[in-house]
PDB file of N, CA and C in Angstrom:
ATOM      1  N   UNK A   1     -27.443  22.128  -2.770  1.00  0.00           N
ATOM      2  CA  UNK A   1     -27.866  22.790  -4.136  1.00  0.00           C
ATOM      3  C   UNK A   1     -29.305  22.127  -4.273  1.00  0.00           C
ATOM      4  N   UNK A   2     -30.366  22.683  -4.489  1.00  0.00           N
ATOM      5  CA  UNK A   2     -31.512  22.130  -4.935  1.00  0.00           C
ATOM      6  C   UNK A   2     -31.126  21.280  -6.685  1.00  0.00           C
ATOM      7  N   UNK A   3     -32.008  20.273  -6.177  1.00  0.00           N
ATOM      8  CA  UNK A   3     -31.672  19.545  -7.665  1.00  0.00           C
ATOM      9  C   UNK A   3     -30.634  18.785  -8.031  1.00  0.00           C
ATOM     10  N   UNK A   4     -29.571  19.023  -6.928  1.00  0.00           N
ATOM     11  CA  UNK A   4     -28.114  18.476  -6.855  1.00  0.00           C
ATOM     12  C   UNK A   4     -28.447  16.815  -6.778  1.00  0.00           C
ATOM     13  N   UNK A   5     -27.790  15.825  -6.919  1.00  0.00           N
ATOM     14  CA  UNK A   5     -27.707  14.401  -6.766  1.00  0.00           C
ATOM     15  C   UNK A   5     -26.559  13.726  -6.978  1.00  0.00           C
ATOM     16  N   UNK A   6     -26.334  12.814  -5.955  1.00  0.00           N
ATOM     17  CA  UNK A   6     -24.932  12.249  -5.885  1.00  0.00           C
ATOM     18  C   UNK A   6     -25.064  11.269  -7.075  1.00  0.00           C
ATOM     19  N   UNK A   7     -23.991  11.305  -7.738  1.00  0.00           N
ATOM     20  CA  UNK A   7     -24.072  10.259  -9.118  1.00  0.00           C
ATOM     21  C   UNK A   7     -23.122   9.335  -8.497  1.00  0.00           C
ATOM     22  N   UNK A   8     -22.397   8.998  -7.288  1.00  0.00           N
ATOM     23  CA  UNK A   8     -21.584   7.743  -6.863  1.00  0.00           C
ATOM     24  C   UNK A   8     -22.569   7.138  -6.114  1.00  0.00           C
ATOM     25  N   UNK A   9     -22.588   5.729  -5.888  1.00  0.00           N
ATOM     26  CA  UNK A   9     -23.242   5.007  -5.054  1.00  0.00           C
ATOM     27  C   UNK A   9     -22.329   5.376  -3.361  1.00  0.00           C
ATOM     28  N   UNK A  10     -23.063   4.934  -2.299  1.00  0.00           N
ATOM     29  CA  UNK A  10     -22.239   4.942  -1.251  1.00  0.00           C
ATOM     30  C   UNK A  10     -21.239   3.704  -1.232  1.00  0.00           C
ATOM     31  N   UNK A  11     -21.441   2.813  -1.854  1.00  0.00           N
ATOM     32  CA  UNK A  11     -20.174   1.767  -2.006  1.00  0.00           C
ATOM     33  C   UNK A  11     -18.815   2.229  -2.810  1.00  0.00           C
ATOM     34  N   UNK A  12     -19.281   3.025  -3.836  1.00  0.00           N
ATOM     35  CA  UNK A  12     -18.283   3.676  -4.421  1.00  0.00           C
ATOM     36  C   UNK A  12     -17.500   4.505  -3.705  1.00  0.00           C
ATOM     37  N   UNK A  13     -18.264   5.205  -2.825  1.00  0.00           N
ATOM     38  CA  UNK A  13     -17.465   6.568  -2.095  1.00  0.00           C
ATOM     39  C   UNK A  13     -16.639   5.806  -1.322  1.00  0.00           C
ATOM     40  N   UNK A  14     -17.437   4.695  -0.241  1.00  0.00           N
ATOM     41  CA  UNK A  14     -16.639   4.003   0.560  1.00  0.00           C
ATOM     42  C   UNK A  14     -15.409   3.460   0.047  1.00  0.00           C
ATOM     43  N   UNK A  15     -15.643   2.791  -1.039  1.00  0.00           N
ATOM     44  CA  UNK A  15     -14.181   2.140  -1.642  1.00  0.00           C
ATOM     45  C   UNK A  15     -13.337   3.278  -2.099  1.00  0.00           C
ATOM     46  N   UNK A  16     -13.684   4.364  -2.402  1.00  0.00           N
ATOM     47  CA  UNK A  16     -12.577   5.714  -2.871  1.00  0.00           C
ATOM     48  C   UNK A  16     -11.924   6.169  -1.446  1.00  0.00           C
ATOM     49  N   UNK A  17     -12.668   5.722  -0.222  1.00  0.00           N
ATOM     50  CA  UNK A  17     -12.087   6.591   0.760  1.00  0.00           C
ATOM     51  C   UNK A  17     -11.232   5.356   1.268  1.00  0.00           C
ATOM     52  N   UNK A  18     -11.384   4.197   1.248  1.00  0.00           N
ATOM     53  CA  UNK A  18     -10.240   3.299   1.671  1.00  0.00           C
ATOM     54  C   UNK A  18      -9.073   3.207   0.577  1.00  0.00           C
ATOM     55  N   UNK A  19      -9.275   3.401  -0.667  1.00  0.00           N
ATOM     56  CA  UNK A  19      -8.026   3.479  -1.344  1.00  0.00           C
ATOM     57  C   UNK A  19      -7.500   4.788  -0.968  1.00  0.00           C
ATOM     58  N   UNK A  20      -8.071   5.895  -0.632  1.00  0.00           N
ATOM     59  CA  UNK A  20      -7.285   6.999  -0.436  1.00  0.00           C
ATOM     60  C   UNK A  20      -6.419   6.941   0.687  1.00  0.00           C
ATOM     61  N   UNK A  21      -7.095   6.053   1.882  1.00  0.00           N
ATOM     62  CA  UNK A  21      -6.453   5.789   2.946  1.00  0.00           C
ATOM     63  C   UNK A  21      -5.221   5.096   3.195  1.00  0.00           C
ATOM     64  N   UNK A  22      -5.072   4.577   1.659  1.00  0.00           N
ATOM     65  CA  UNK A  22      -3.707   3.634   1.388  1.00  0.00           C
ATOM     66  C   UNK A  22      -2.434   4.462   1.542  1.00  0.00           C
ATOM     67  N   UNK A  23      -2.798   5.851   1.524  1.00  0.00           N
ATOM     68  CA  UNK A  23      -1.573   6.857   1.450  1.00  0.00           C
ATOM     69  C   UNK A  23      -0.765   6.494   2.844  1.00  0.00           C
ATOM     70  N   UNK A  24      -1.242   6.063   3.777  1.00  0.00           N
ATOM     71  CA  UNK A  24      -0.300   5.831   4.888  1.00  0.00           C
ATOM     72  C   UNK A  24       0.562   4.312   4.670  1.00  0.00           C
ATOM     73  N   UNK A  25       0.175   3.489   3.577  1.00  0.00           N
ATOM     74  CA  UNK A  25       0.768   2.757   3.313  1.00  0.00           C
ATOM     75  C   UNK A  25       2.407   2.914   3.134  1.00  0.00           C
ATOM     76  N   UNK A  26       2.730   4.045   2.346  1.00  0.00           N
ATOM     77  CA  UNK A  26       4.120   4.498   2.241  1.00  0.00           C
ATOM     78  C   UNK A  26       4.900   4.987   3.674  1.00  0.00           C
ATOM     79  N   UNK A  27       4.132   5.425   4.485  1.00  0.00           N
ATOM     80  CA  UNK A  27       5.015   5.741   5.735  1.00  0.00           C
ATOM     81  C   UNK A  27       5.057   4.617   6.518  1.00  0.00           C
ATOM     82  N   UNK A  28       4.471   3.546   6.600  1.00  0.00           N
ATOM     83  CA  UNK A  28       4.925   2.556   7.290  1.00  0.00           C
ATOM     84  C   UNK A  28       5.949   1.831   6.680  1.00  0.00           C
ATOM     85  N   UNK A  29       5.593   1.603   5.211  1.00  0.00           N
ATOM     86  CA  UNK A  29       6.705   0.424   4.456  1.00  0.00           C
ATOM     87  C   UNK A  29       8.214   1.382   4.519  1.00  0.00           C
ATOM     88  N   UNK A  30       8.210   2.691   3.983  1.00  0.00           N
ATOM     89  CA  UNK A  30       9.526   3.314   3.975  1.00  0.00           C
ATOM     90  C   UNK A  30       9.943   3.491   5.330  1.00  0.00           C
ATOM     91  N   UNK A  31       9.165   3.895   6.428  1.00  0.00           N
ATOM     92  CA  UNK A  31       9.605   3.997   7.350  1.00  0.00           C
ATOM     93  C   UNK A  31      10.310   2.564   8.179  1.00  0.00           C
ATOM     94  N   UNK A  32       9.473   1.603   7.950  1.00  0.00           N
ATOM     95  CA  UNK A  32      10.039   0.420   8.314  1.00  0.00           C
ATOM     96  C   UNK A  32      11.650  -0.030   7.559  1.00  0.00           C
ATOM     97  N   UNK A  33      11.484   0.304   6.346  1.00  0.00           N
ATOM     98  CA  UNK A  33      12.680  -0.024   5.489  1.00  0.00           C
ATOM     99  C   UNK A  33      13.985   0.559   6.217  1.00  0.00           C
ATOM    100  N   UNK A  34      13.668   2.030   6.480  1.00  0.00           N
ATOM    101  CA  UNK A  34      14.681   2.872   6.881  1.00  0.00           C
ATOM    102  C   UNK A  34      15.139   2.100   8.779  1.00  0.00           C
ATOM    103  N   UNK A  35      14.155   1.955   9.212  1.00  0.00           N
ATOM    104  CA  UNK A  35      14.639   1.003  10.502  1.00  0.00           C
ATOM    105  C   UNK A  35      15.216  -0.377  10.176  1.00  0.00           C
ATOM    106  N   UNK A  36      14.794  -0.982   9.122  1.00  0.00           N
ATOM    107  CA  UNK A  36      15.544  -2.245   8.854  1.00  0.00           C
ATOM    108  C   UNK A  36      16.905  -2.054   8.649  1.00  0.00           C
ATOM    109  N   UNK A  37      17.065  -0.795   7.811  1.00  0.00           N
ATOM    110  CA  UNK A  37      18.753  -0.695   7.475  1.00  0.00           C
ATOM    111  C   UNK A  37      19.577  -0.018   9.042  1.00  0.00           C
ATOM    112  N   UNK A  38      19.083   0.416   9.671  1.00  0.00           N
ATOM    113  CA  UNK A  38      19.603   0.709  11.129  1.00  0.00           C
ATOM    114  C   UNK A  38      19.752  -0.394  12.065  1.00  0.00           C
ATOM    115  N   UNK A  39      18.868  -1.293  11.787  1.00  0.00           N
ATOM    116  CA  UNK A  39      19.027  -2.656  12.682  1.00  0.00           C
ATOM    117  C   UNK A  39      20.054  -3.491  11.806  1.00  0.00           C
ATOM    118  N   UNK A  40      20.409  -3.478  10.749  1.00  0.00           N
ATOM    119  CA  UNK A  40      21.385  -4.359   9.962  1.00  0.00           C
ATOM    120  C   UNK A  40      22.516  -3.308  10.427  1.00  0.00           C
ATOM    121  N   UNK A  41      23.059  -2.246  10.403  1.00  0.00           N
ATOM    122  CA  UNK A  41      24.030  -1.661  10.605  1.00  0.00           C
ATOM    123  C   UNK A  41      24.618  -1.818  12.090  1.00  0.00           C
ATOM    124  N   UNK A  42      23.503  -2.097  12.929  1.00  0.00           N
ATOM    125  CA  UNK A  42      23.729  -2.607  13.998  1.00  0.00           C
ATOM    126  C   UNK A  42      23.646  -4.183  14.695  1.00  0.00           C
ATOM    127  N   UNK A  43      23.883  -4.755  13.298  1.00  0.00           N
ATOM    128  CA  UNK A  43      23.981  -6.305  13.352  1.00  0.00           C
ATOM    129  C   UNK A  43      22.928  -6.722  14.346  1.00  0.00           C
ATOM    130  N   UNK A  44      21.872  -6.171  14.252  1.00  0.00           N
ATOM    131  CA  UNK A  44      20.682  -6.863  15.042  1.00  0.00           C
ATOM    132  C   UNK A  44      19.966  -8.361  14.409  1.00  0.00           C
ATOM    133  N   UNK A  45      19.702  -9.175  14.744  1.00  0.00           N
ATOM    134  CA  UNK A  45      19.211 -10.277  14.239  1.00  0.00           C
ATOM    135  C   UNK A  45      17.480 -10.201  13.891  1.00  0.00           C
ATOM    136  N   UNK A  46      17.382 -10.238  12.776  1.00  0.00           N
ATOM    137  CA  UNK A  46      15.814 -10.121  12.291  1.00  0.00           C
ATOM    138  C   UNK A  46      14.905 -11.317  12.179  1.00  0.00           C
ATOM    139  N   UNK A  47      13.571 -11.314  12.589  1.00  0.00           N
ATOM    140  CA  UNK A  47      12.882 -12.710  12.375  1.00  0.00           C
ATOM    141  C   UNK A  47      12.811 -12.578  10.671  1.00  0.00           C
ATOM    142  N   UNK A  48      12.387 -13.858  10.703  1.00  0.00           N
ATOM    143  CA  UNK A  48      12.469 -14.510   9.315  1.00  0.00           C
ATOM    144  C   UNK A  48      10.786 -14.875   9.159  1.00  0.00           C
ATOM    145  N   UNK A  49      10.352 -13.979   8.212  1.00  0.00           N
ATOM    146  CA  UNK A  49       8.908 -14.481   7.603  1.00  0.00           C
ATOM    147  C   UNK A  49       8.715 -14.344   6.020  1.00  0.00           C
ATOM    148  N   UNK A  50       8.079 -15.624   5.841  1.00  0.00           N
ATOM    149  CA  UNK A  50       8.091 -15.736   4.271  1.00  0.00           C
ATOM    150  C   UNK A  50       7.348 -14.332   3.781  1.00  0.00           C
ATOM    151  N   UNK A  51       8.088 -13.877   2.778  1.00  0.00           N
ATOM    152  CA  UNK A  51       7.179 -12.411   1.894  1.00  0.00           C
ATOM    153  C   UNK A  51       6.204 -13.196   0.979  1.00  0.00           C
ATOM    154  N   UNK A  52       6.724 -14.358   0.488  1.00  0.00           N
ATOM    155  CA  UNK A  52       6.043 -15.248  -0.897  1.00  0.00           C
ATOM    156  C   UNK A  52       4.488 -15.579  -0.498  1.00  0.00           C
ATOM    157  N   UNK A  53       4.389 -15.562   1.141  1.00  0.00           N
ATOM    158  CA  UNK A  53       3.066 -15.936   1.626  1.00  0.00           C
ATOM    159  C   UNK A  53       2.070 -14.966   1.371  1.00  0.00           C
ATOM    160  N   UNK A  54       2.854 -13.715   1.466  1.00  0.00           N
ATOM    161  CA  UNK A  54       1.537 -12.485   0.975  1.00  0.00           C
ATOM    162  C   UNK A  54       1.664 -12.014  -0.141  1.00  0.00           C
ATOM    163  N   UNK A  55       2.614 -12.010  -0.727  1.00  0.00           N
ATOM    164  CA  UNK A  55       2.740 -11.528  -2.238  1.00  0.00           C
ATOM    165  C   UNK A  55       2.527 -12.651  -3.524  1.00  0.00           C
ATOM    166  N   UNK A  56       3.056 -13.482  -3.178  1.00  0.00           N
ATOM    167  CA  UNK A  56       3.342 -15.021  -4.140  1.00  0.00           C
ATOM    168  C   UNK A  56       4.121 -14.233  -5.385  1.00  0.00           C
ATOM    169  N   UNK A  57       3.761 -14.326  -6.446  1.00  0.00           N
ATOM    170  CA  UNK A  57       4.458 -14.152  -7.560  1.00  0.00           C
ATOM    171  C   UNK A  57       3.737 -12.875  -8.685  1.00  0.00           C
ATOM    172  N   UNK A  58       3.111 -12.225  -7.720  1.00  0.00           N
ATOM    173  CA  UNK A  58       2.210 -10.886  -7.991  1.00  0.00           C
ATOM    174  C   UNK A  58       3.380 -10.220  -8.433  1.00  0.00           C
ATOM    175  N   UNK A  59       3.211  -9.560  -9.935  1.00  0.00           N
ATOM    176  CA  UNK A  59       4.345  -8.738 -10.811  1.00  0.00           C
ATOM    177  C   UNK A  59       4.472  -7.304 -10.046  1.00  0.00           C
ATOM    178  N   UNK A  60       3.122  -6.646  -9.948  1.00  0.00           N
ATOM    179  CA  UNK A  60       3.016  -5.486  -9.106  1.00  0.00           C
ATOM    180  C   UNK A  60       3.911  -5.494  -7.917  1.00  0.00           C
ATOM    181  N   UNK A  61       3.687  -6.222  -6.886  1.00  0.00           N
ATOM    182  CA  UNK A  61       4.137  -6.193  -5.290  1.00  0.00           C
ATOM    183  C   UNK A  61       6.019  -6.753  -5.816  1.00  0.00           C
ATOM    184  N   UNK A  62       6.275  -7.690  -6.436  1.00  0.00           N
ATOM    185  CA  UNK A  62       7.718  -7.911  -6.795  1.00  0.00           C
ATOM    186  C   UNK A  62       8.094  -6.496  -7.555  1.00  0.00           C
ATOM    187  N   UNK A  63       7.577  -5.770  -8.177  1.00  0.00           N
ATOM    188  CA  UNK A  63       8.314  -4.643  -9.100  1.00  0.00           C
ATOM    189  C   UNK A  63       8.586  -3.710  -7.827  1.00  0.00           C
ATOM    190  N   UNK A  64       7.418  -3.414  -6.956  1.00  0.00           N
ATOM    191  CA  UNK A  64       7.485  -2.386  -5.913  1.00  0.00           C
ATOM    192  C   UNK A  64       8.656  -2.654  -5.164  1.00  0.00           C
ATOM    193  N   UNK A  65       9.149  -4.055  -4.792  1.00  0.00           N
ATOM    194  CA  UNK A  65      10.252  -4.303  -4.040  1.00  0.00           C
ATOM    195  C   UNK A  65      11.374  -4.284  -4.509  1.00  0.00           C
ATOM    196  N   UNK A  66      11.542  -4.599  -5.876  1.00  0.00           N
ATOM    197  CA  UNK A  66      12.890  -4.113  -6.486  1.00  0.00           C
ATOM    198  C   UNK A  66      13.121  -2.755  -6.376  1.00  0.00           C
ATOM    199  N   UNK A  67      11.939  -2.165  -6.978  1.00  0.00           N
ATOM    200  CA  UNK A  67      12.148  -0.476  -6.968  1.00  0.00           C
ATOM    201  C   UNK A  67      12.415   0.246  -5.509  1.00  0.00           C
ATOM    202  N   UNK A  68      11.860  -0.202  -4.564  1.00  0.00           N
ATOM    203  CA  UNK A  68      12.403   0.220  -3.081  1.00  0.00           C
ATOM    204  C   UNK A  68      12.306  -0.740  -2.327  1.00  0.00           C
ATOM    205  N   UNK A  69      13.941  -1.360  -2.278  1.00  0.00           N
ATOM    206  CA  UNK A  69      14.089  -2.636  -1.641  1.00  0.00           C
ATOM    207  C   UNK A  69      13.727  -2.330  -0.005  1.00  0.00           C
ATOM    208  N   UNK A  70      13.053  -3.495   0.473  1.00  0.00           N
ATOM    209  CA  UNK A  70      12.538  -3.357   1.918  1.00  0.00           C
ATOM    210  C   UNK A  70      11.237  -2.995   1.850  1.00  0.00           C
ATOM    211  N   UNK A  71      10.542  -2.334   0.906  1.00  0.00           N
ATOM    212  CA  UNK A  71       9.329  -1.654   0.817  1.00  0.00           C
ATOM    213  C   UNK A  71       8.342  -2.835   1.601  1.00  0.00           C
ATOM    214  N   UNK A  72       8.323  -4.115   1.429  1.00  0.00           N
ATOM    215  CA  UNK A  72       7.578  -5.050   1.796  1.00  0.00           C
ATOM    216  C   UNK A  72       7.926  -5.860   2.747  1.00  0.00           C
ATOM    217  N   UNK A  73       9.387  -6.181   2.560  1.00  0.00           N
ATOM    218  CA  UNK A  73      10.230  -6.794   3.328  1.00  0.00           C
ATOM    219  C   UNK A  73      10.554  -6.656   4.800  1.00  0.00           C
ATOM    220  N   UNK A  74      10.822  -5.552   4.943  1.00  0.00           N
ATOM    221  CA  UNK A  74      11.223  -4.647   6.011  1.00  0.00           C
ATOM    222  C   UNK A  74      10.203  -4.800   7.298  1.00  0.00           C
ATOM    223  N   UNK A  75       8.876  -4.365   7.000  1.00  0.00           N
ATOM    224  CA  UNK A  75       7.608  -4.459   8.404  1.00  0.00           C
ATOM    225  C   UNK A  75       7.344  -5.776   8.170  1.00  0.00           C
ATOM    226  N   UNK A  76       7.504  -6.671   7.146  1.00  0.00           N
ATOM    227  CA  UNK A  76       7.020  -8.062   7.857  1.00  0.00           C
ATOM    228  C   UNK A  76       7.772  -8.440   8.510  1.00  0.00           C
ATOM    229  N   UNK A  77       9.149  -8.475   8.423  1.00  0.00           N
ATOM    230  CA  UNK A  77       9.915  -9.338   8.983  1.00  0.00           C
ATOM    231  C   UNK A  77      10.272  -8.504  10.695  1.00  0.00           C
ATOM    232  N   UNK A  78       9.647  -7.365  10.814  1.00  0.00           N
ATOM    233  CA  UNK A  78       9.555  -6.638  12.039  1.00  0.00           C
ATOM    234  C   UNK A  78       8.402  -6.720  12.808  1.00  0.00           C
ATOM    235  N   UNK A  79       7.182  -7.036  12.279  1.00  0.00           N
ATOM    236  CA  UNK A  79       6.219  -7.040  12.859  1.00  0.00           C
ATOM    237  C   UNK A  79       5.045  -7.894  12.059  1.00  0.00           C
ATOM    238  N   UNK A  80       5.187  -9.221  11.898  1.00  0.00           N
ATOM    239  CA  UNK A  80       4.548 -10.019  10.836  1.00  0.00           C
ATOM    240  C   UNK A  80       2.973  -9.749  10.928  1.00  0.00           C
ATOM    241  N   UNK A  81       2.418  -9.657  12.522  1.00  0.00           N
ATOM    242  CA  UNK A  81       1.157  -9.529  12.582  1.00  0.00           C
ATOM    243  C   UNK A  81       0.447  -8.165  12.150  1.00  0.00           C
ATOM    244  N   UNK A  82       1.323  -7.041  12.522  1.00  0.00           N
ATOM    245  CA  UNK A  82       0.843  -5.981  11.916  1.00  0.00           C
ATOM    246  C   UNK A  82       0.715  -5.714  10.221  1.00  0.00           C
ATOM    247  N   UNK A  83       2.021  -6.525   9.774  1.00  0.00           N
ATOM    248  CA  UNK A  83       1.870  -6.491   8.248  1.00  0.00           C
ATOM    249  C   UNK A  83       0.753  -7.310   7.709  1.00  0.00           C
ATOM    250  N   UNK A  84       0.496  -8.261   8.214  1.00  0.00           N
ATOM    251  CA  UNK A  84      -0.852  -9.257   7.562  1.00  0.00           C
ATOM    252  C   UNK A  84      -2.191  -8.287   7.713  1.00  0.00           C
ATOM    253  N   UNK A  85      -2.132  -7.873   8.759  1.00  0.00           N
ATOM    254  CA  UNK A  85      -3.720  -6.797   8.805  1.00  0.00           C
ATOM    255  C   UNK A  85      -3.463  -5.927   8.112  1.00  0.00           C
ATOM    256  N   UNK A  86      -2.388  -5.058   8.035  1.00  0.00           N
ATOM    257  CA  UNK A  86      -2.117  -4.020   7.070  1.00  0.00           C
ATOM    258  C   UNK A  86      -2.470  -4.098   5.640  1.00  0.00           C
ATOM    259  N   UNK A  87      -1.735  -5.421   5.518  1.00  0.00           N
ATOM    260  CA  UNK A  87      -1.880  -6.030   3.736  1.00  0.00           C
ATOM    261  C   UNK A  87      -2.988  -6.398   3.537  1.00  0.00           C
ATOM    262  N   UNK A  88      -3.891  -7.125   4.455  1.00  0.00           N
ATOM    263  CA  UNK A  88      -5.155  -7.460   4.260  1.00  0.00           C
ATOM    264  C   UNK A  88      -6.286  -6.148   4.230  1.00  0.00           C
ATOM    265  N   UNK A  89      -6.011  -5.159   4.699  1.00  0.00           N
ATOM    266  CA  UNK A  89      -6.553  -3.841   4.682  1.00  0.00           C
ATOM    267  C   UNK A  89      -6.438  -3.126   3.201  1.00  0.00           C
ATOM    268  N   UNK A  90      -5.166  -3.214   2.763  1.00  0.00           N
ATOM    269  CA  UNK A  90      -4.924  -2.412   1.907  1.00  0.00           C
ATOM    270  C   UNK A  90      -5.548  -3.236   0.446  1.00  0.00           C
ATOM    271  N   UNK A  91      -5.956  -4.531   0.705  1.00  0.00           N
ATOM    272  CA  UNK A  91      -6.181  -5.211  -0.528  1.00  0.00           C
ATOM    273  C   UNK A  91      -7.918  -5.248  -0.416  1.00  0.00           C
ATOM    274  N   UNK A  92      -8.450  -4.593   0.376  1.00  0.00           N
ATOM    275  CA  UNK A  92     -10.127  -4.432   0.753  1.00  0.00           C
ATOM    276  C   UNK A  92     -10.574  -3.899  -0.897  1.00  0.00           C
ATOM    277  N   UNK A  93      -9.847  -2.809  -1.037  1.00  0.00           N
ATOM    278  CA  UNK A  93     -10.705  -2.357  -2.451  1.00  0.00           C
ATOM    279  C   UNK A  93     -10.628  -3.205  -3.754  1.00  0.00           C
ATOM    280  N   UNK A  94      -9.619  -3.984  -3.520  1.00  0.00           N
ATOM    281  CA  UNK A  94      -9.241  -4.753  -4.884  1.00  0.00           C
ATOM    282  C   UNK A  94     -10.099  -5.805  -4.908  1.00  0.00           C
ATOM    283  N   UNK A  95     -10.697  -6.153  -3.668  1.00  0.00           N
ATOM    284  CA  UNK A  95     -11.539  -7.222  -3.574  1.00  0.00           C
ATOM    285  C   UNK A  95     -13.151  -7.219  -4.042  1.00  0.00           C
ATOM    286  N   UNK A  96     -13.448  -5.850  -4.171  1.00  0.00           N
ATOM    287  CA  UNK A  96     -14.778  -5.441  -3.947  1.00  0.00           C
ATOM    288  C   UNK A  96     -15.016  -4.953  -5.783  1.00  0.00           C
ATOM    289  N   UNK A  97     -16.272  -4.475  -6.106  1.00  0.00           N
ATOM    290  CA  UNK A  97     -16.285  -4.221  -7.204  1.00  0.00           C
ATOM    291  C   UNK A  97     -17.200  -2.830  -7.423  1.00  0.00           C
ATOM    292  N   UNK A  98     -17.507  -2.048  -6.575  1.00  0.00           N
ATOM    293  CA  UNK A  98     -18.186  -0.927  -6.731  1.00  0.00           C
ATOM    294  C   UNK A  98     -17.358   0.053  -7.603  1.00  0.00           C
ATOM    295  N   UNK A  99     -16.004   0.168  -7.566  1.00  0.00           N
ATOM    296  CA  UNK A  99     -15.187   0.755  -8.880  1.00  0.00           C
ATOM    297  C   UNK A  99     -14.739  -0.222 -10.050  1.00  0.00           C
ATOM    298  N   UNK A 100     -14.572   0.572 -11.042  1.00  0.00           N
ATOM    299  CA  UNK A 100     -13.894  -0.782 -12.066  1.00  0.00           C
ATOM    300  C   UNK A 100     -12.461  -0.433 -11.522  1.00  0.00           C
ATOM    301  N   UNK A 101     -11.585  -1.086 -11.846  1.00  0.00           N
ATOM    302  CA  UNK A 101     -10.090  -1.081 -11.928  1.00  0.00           C
ATOM    303  C   UNK A 101      -9.487  -0.206 -12.240  1.00  0.00           C
ATOM    304  N   UNK A 102      -9.940   0.225 -13.423  1.00  0.00           N
ATOM    305  CA  UNK A 102      -9.266   1.618 -14.247  1.00  0.00           C
ATOM    306  C   UNK A 102      -9.382   2.663 -13.271  1.00  0.00           C
ATOM    307  N   UNK A 103     -10.507   2.785 -12.854  1.00  0.00           N
ATOM    308  CA  UNK A 103     -10.518   3.984 -11.529  1.00  0.00           C
ATOM    309  C   UNK A 103      -9.841   3.610 -10.525  1.00  0.00           C
ATOM    310  N   UNK A 104      -9.743   2.446  -9.825  1.00  0.00           N
ATOM    311  CA  UNK A 104      -9.040   2.278  -8.712  1.00  0.00           C
ATOM    312  C   UNK A 104      -7.675   2.494  -9.049  1.00  0.00           C
ATOM    313  N   UNK A 105      -7.103   2.286 -10.214  1.00  0.00           N
ATOM    314  CA  UNK A 105      -5.552   2.578 -10.477  1.00  0.00           C
ATOM    315  C   UNK A 105      -5.421   4.161 -10.474  1.00  0.00           C
ATOM    316  N   UNK A 106      -6.706   4.715 -11.190  1.00  0.00           N
ATOM    317  CA  UNK A 106      -6.460   6.202 -11.356  1.00  0.00           C
ATOM    318  C   UNK A 106      -6.549   7.027 -10.152  1.00  0.00           C
ATOM    319  N   UNK A 107      -7.321   6.584  -9.352  1.00  0.00           N
ATOM    320  CA  UNK A 107      -7.459   7.184  -7.735  1.00  0.00           C
ATOM    321  C   UNK A 107      -6.008   7.095  -6.995  1.00  0.00           C
ATOM    322  N   UNK A 108      -5.526   5.843  -7.171  1.00  0.00           N
ATOM    323  CA  UNK A 108      -4.220   5.386  -6.311  1.00  0.00           C
ATOM    324  C   UNK A 108      -3.156   6.095  -7.124  1.00  0.00           C
ATOM    325  N   UNK A 109      -3.146   6.542  -8.123  1.00  0.00           N
ATOM    326  CA  UNK A 109      -2.007   7.545  -9.102  1.00  0.00           C
ATOM    327  C   UNK A 109      -2.255   8.825  -8.260  1.00  0.00           C
ATOM    328  N   UNK A 110      -3.263   9.153  -8.454  1.00  0.00           N
ATOM    329  CA  UNK A 110      -3.796  10.697  -7.986  1.00  0.00           C
ATOM    330  C   UNK A 110      -3.118  10.617  -6.277  1.00  0.00           C
ATOM    331  N   UNK A 111      -3.619   9.664  -5.499  1.00  0.00           N
ATOM    332  CA  UNK A 111      -3.453   9.665  -4.276  1.00  0.00           C
ATOM    333  C   UNK A 111      -1.576   9.892  -4.201  1.00  0.00           C
ATOM    334  N   UNK A 112      -0.944   9.064  -4.959  1.00  0.00           N
ATOM    335  CA  UNK A 112       0.532   9.224  -5.158  1.00  0.00           C
ATOM    336  C   UNK A 112       1.198  10.415  -5.758  1.00  0.00           C
ATOM    337  N   UNK A 113       0.289  11.016  -6.423  1.00  0.00           N
ATOM    338  CA  UNK A 113       0.978  12.202  -6.933  1.00  0.00           C
ATOM    339  C   UNK A 113       0.746  13.612  -6.187  1.00  0.00           C
ATOM    340  N   UNK A 114      -0.312  13.436  -4.937  1.00  0.00           N
ATOM    341  CA  UNK A 114      -0.324  14.640  -4.412  1.00  0.00           C
ATOM    342  C   UNK A 114       0.825  15.615  -3.809  1.00  0.00           C
ATOM    343  N   UNK A 115       1.040  16.793  -3.992  1.00  0.00           N
ATOM    344  CA  UNK A 115       2.251  17.478  -3.519  1.00  0.00           C
ATOM    345  C   UNK A 115       2.880  17.215  -2.400  1.00  0.00           C
ATOM    346  N   UNK A 116       1.779  16.680  -1.326  1.00  0.00           N
ATOM    347  CA  UNK A 116       2.457  16.735  -0.140  1.00  0.00           C
ATOM    348  C   UNK A 116       2.747  15.193   0.095  1.00  0.00           C
ATOM    349  N   UNK A 117       2.680  14.416  -0.716  1.00  0.00           N
ATOM    350  CA  UNK A 117       3.047  13.116  -0.713  1.00  0.00           C
ATOM    351  C   UNK A 117       4.076  12.799  -1.898  1.00  0.00           C
ATOM    352  N   UNK A 118       3.794  12.724  -3.053  1.00  0.00           N
ATOM    353  CA  UNK A 118       4.551  12.610  -3.987  1.00  0.00           C
ATOM    354  C   UNK A 118       5.689  11.103  -3.978  1.00  0.00           C
ATOM    355  N   UNK A 119       4.946   9.799  -3.949  1.00  0.00           N
ATOM    356  CA  UNK A 119       5.600   8.664  -3.718  1.00  0.00           C
ATOM    357  C   UNK A 119       6.264   8.587  -5.286  1.00  0.00           C
ATOM    358  N   UNK A 120       7.206   8.531  -5.611  1.00  0.00           N
ATOM    359  CA  UNK A 120       7.832   8.457  -7.055  1.00  0.00           C
ATOM    360  C   UNK A 120       7.708   7.068  -7.649  1.00  0.00           C
ATOM    361  N   UNK A 121       8.035   5.908  -6.722  1.00  0.00           N
ATOM    362  CA  UNK A 121       7.996   4.695  -7.131  1.00  0.00           C
ATOM    363  C   UNK A 121       6.724   4.047  -7.773  1.00  0.00           C
ATOM    364  N   UNK A 122       5.575   4.949  -7.392  1.00  0.00           N
ATOM    365  CA  UNK A 122       4.403   4.455  -7.812  1.00  0.00           C
ATOM    366  C   UNK A 122       4.158   4.873  -9.176  1.00  0.00           C
ATOM    367  N   UNK A 123       4.617   6.474  -9.457  1.00  0.00           N
ATOM    368  CA  UNK A 123       4.499   6.779 -10.595  1.00  0.00           C
ATOM    369  C   UNK A 123       5.482   7.040 -11.821  1.00  0.00           C
ATOM    370  N   UNK A 124       6.505   6.254 -11.393  1.00  0.00           N
ATOM    371  CA  UNK A 124       7.481   5.754 -12.763  1.00  0.00           C
ATOM    372  C   UNK A 124       7.362   4.690 -13.561  1.00  0.00           C
TER     373      UNK A 124
END
């Protein structure tokens, strides 16, 4: 369109794309939780990895773990290296300042509320 200009910077657009790509976090973590439940039923030993190393006493992640038991713990115990890499990736938009925190939260809520996703623990 003639005369039309982007109002977002390239950094803001990239940060938004990374936020939206976090949609896959729920697939990974809920899938790992279900696999962990099956492994527990089969009495297979799990590895132990300290969840505290990754989330500390962060109230957000602790509430997610209470809301969806195993949300973080299961993938961490099944593959600590993949969990660490993924957790670091998900943290990228929160370490940069291209968008305000409120905008990031609203984008995250919009992703969780999409009809094809509807991740209710984030919306409660």
